């Protein structure tokens, strides 16, 4: 398995998503939301749409960890 190098902010957001399981994209703090595309490119996080509630037809973007157990290392 390849090691993935993450910056401190990427690691913080990755851990936030991992702890939450699934999290709405808009619930990630604005100053840290900019790293989401890099986590998607590194194939650590996936973005999917689903209704936020059973009564609503509108779909919202959610984030979840793509594969549990990926190894990553903080960038030096």
Protein backbone atom coordinates (compact mmCIF):
# COMPACT_ATOMS: atom_id res chain seq x y z
CA UNK A 1 0.00 0.00 0.00
CA UNK A 2 1.35 3.42 -0.93
CA UNK A 3 1.85 5.99 1.78
CA UNK A 4 0.01 9.25 1.21
CA UNK A 5 1.66 12.45 2.42
CA UNK A 6 -0.68 14.97 4.04
CA UNK A 7 -0.16 18.48 5.30
CA UNK A 8 -1.36 19.39 8.79
CA UNK A 9 -4.59 20.96 7.49
CA UNK A 10 -5.31 17.97 5.23
CA UNK A 11 -4.76 15.64 8.19
CA UNK A 12 -7.10 17.74 10.39
CA UNK A 13 -9.91 17.62 7.81
CA UNK A 14 -9.33 13.91 7.13
CA UNK A 15 -9.58 13.15 10.86
CA UNK A 16 -12.74 15.30 11.14
CA UNK A 17 -14.42 13.31 8.35
CA UNK A 18 -13.18 9.99 9.76
CA UNK A 19 -14.57 10.75 13.23
CA UNK A 20 -17.93 11.90 11.85
CA UNK A 21 -18.38 9.00 9.41
CA UNK A 22 -20.40 11.09 6.97
CA UNK A 23 -20.40 14.87 7.13
CA UNK A 24 -22.12 17.51 5.04
CA UNK A 25 -19.57 19.40 2.97
CA UNK A 26 -20.84 22.73 4.27
CA UNK A 27 -20.15 21.63 7.87
CA UNK A 28 -16.38 21.63 7.27
CA UNK A 29 -14.92 24.93 8.57
CA UNK A 30 -14.52 27.45 5.74
CA UNK A 31 -10.80 28.00 6.30
CA UNK A 32 -10.17 24.26 6.02
CA UNK A 33 -12.63 23.46 3.21
CA UNK A 34 -10.04 24.33 0.55
CA UNK A 35 -8.17 21.05 1.11
CA UNK A 36 -11.16 18.85 0.21
CA UNK A 37 -10.27 18.73 -3.53
CA UNK A 38 -6.73 17.56 -2.72
CA UNK A 39 -8.09 14.81 -0.45
CA UNK A 40 -10.41 13.72 -3.28
CA UNK A 41 -7.48 13.72 -5.74
CA UNK A 42 -5.47 11.56 -3.34
CA UNK A 43 -8.47 9.20 -3.23
CA UNK A 44 -8.85 9.42 0.56
CA UNK A 45 -12.28 11.09 0.56
CA UNK A 46 -15.30 10.72 -1.71
CA UNK A 47 -18.08 13.21 -2.35
CA UNK A 48 -21.63 11.99 -2.85
CA UNK A 49 -25.10 13.50 -2.86
CA UNK A 50 -28.09 12.40 -0.82
CA UNK A 51 -31.19 14.04 0.66
CA UNK A 52 -30.40 15.74 3.95
CA UNK A 53 -33.75 14.66 5.40
CA UNK A 54 -36.44 12.19 4.44
CA UNK A 55 -38.96 14.99 3.86
CA UNK A 56 -36.77 17.00 1.48
CA UNK A 57 -36.24 16.24 -2.21
CA UNK A 58 -33.21 18.53 -2.42
CA UNK A 59 -29.88 16.71 -2.29
CA UNK A 60 -26.80 17.95 -0.45
CA UNK A 61 -23.15 17.03 -0.84
CA UNK A 62 -21.69 14.75 1.80
CA UNK A 63 -18.13 13.59 2.44
CA UNK A 64 -16.95 10.21 3.67
CA UNK A 65 -13.69 8.30 3.89
CA UNK A 66 -13.22 6.29 0.73
CA UNK A 67 -11.31 3.33 2.19
CA UNK A 68 -10.67 2.76 5.87
CA UNK A 69 -7.14 1.87 6.84
CA UNK A 70 -5.29 4.07 4.33
CA UNK A 71 -1.89 4.96 5.67
CA UNK A 72 -0.79 8.54 5.50
CA UNK A 73 2.22 10.48 6.74
CA UNK A 74 2.42 14.17 7.64
CA UNK A 75 4.51 16.19 5.21
CA UNK A 76 7.85 17.19 6.70
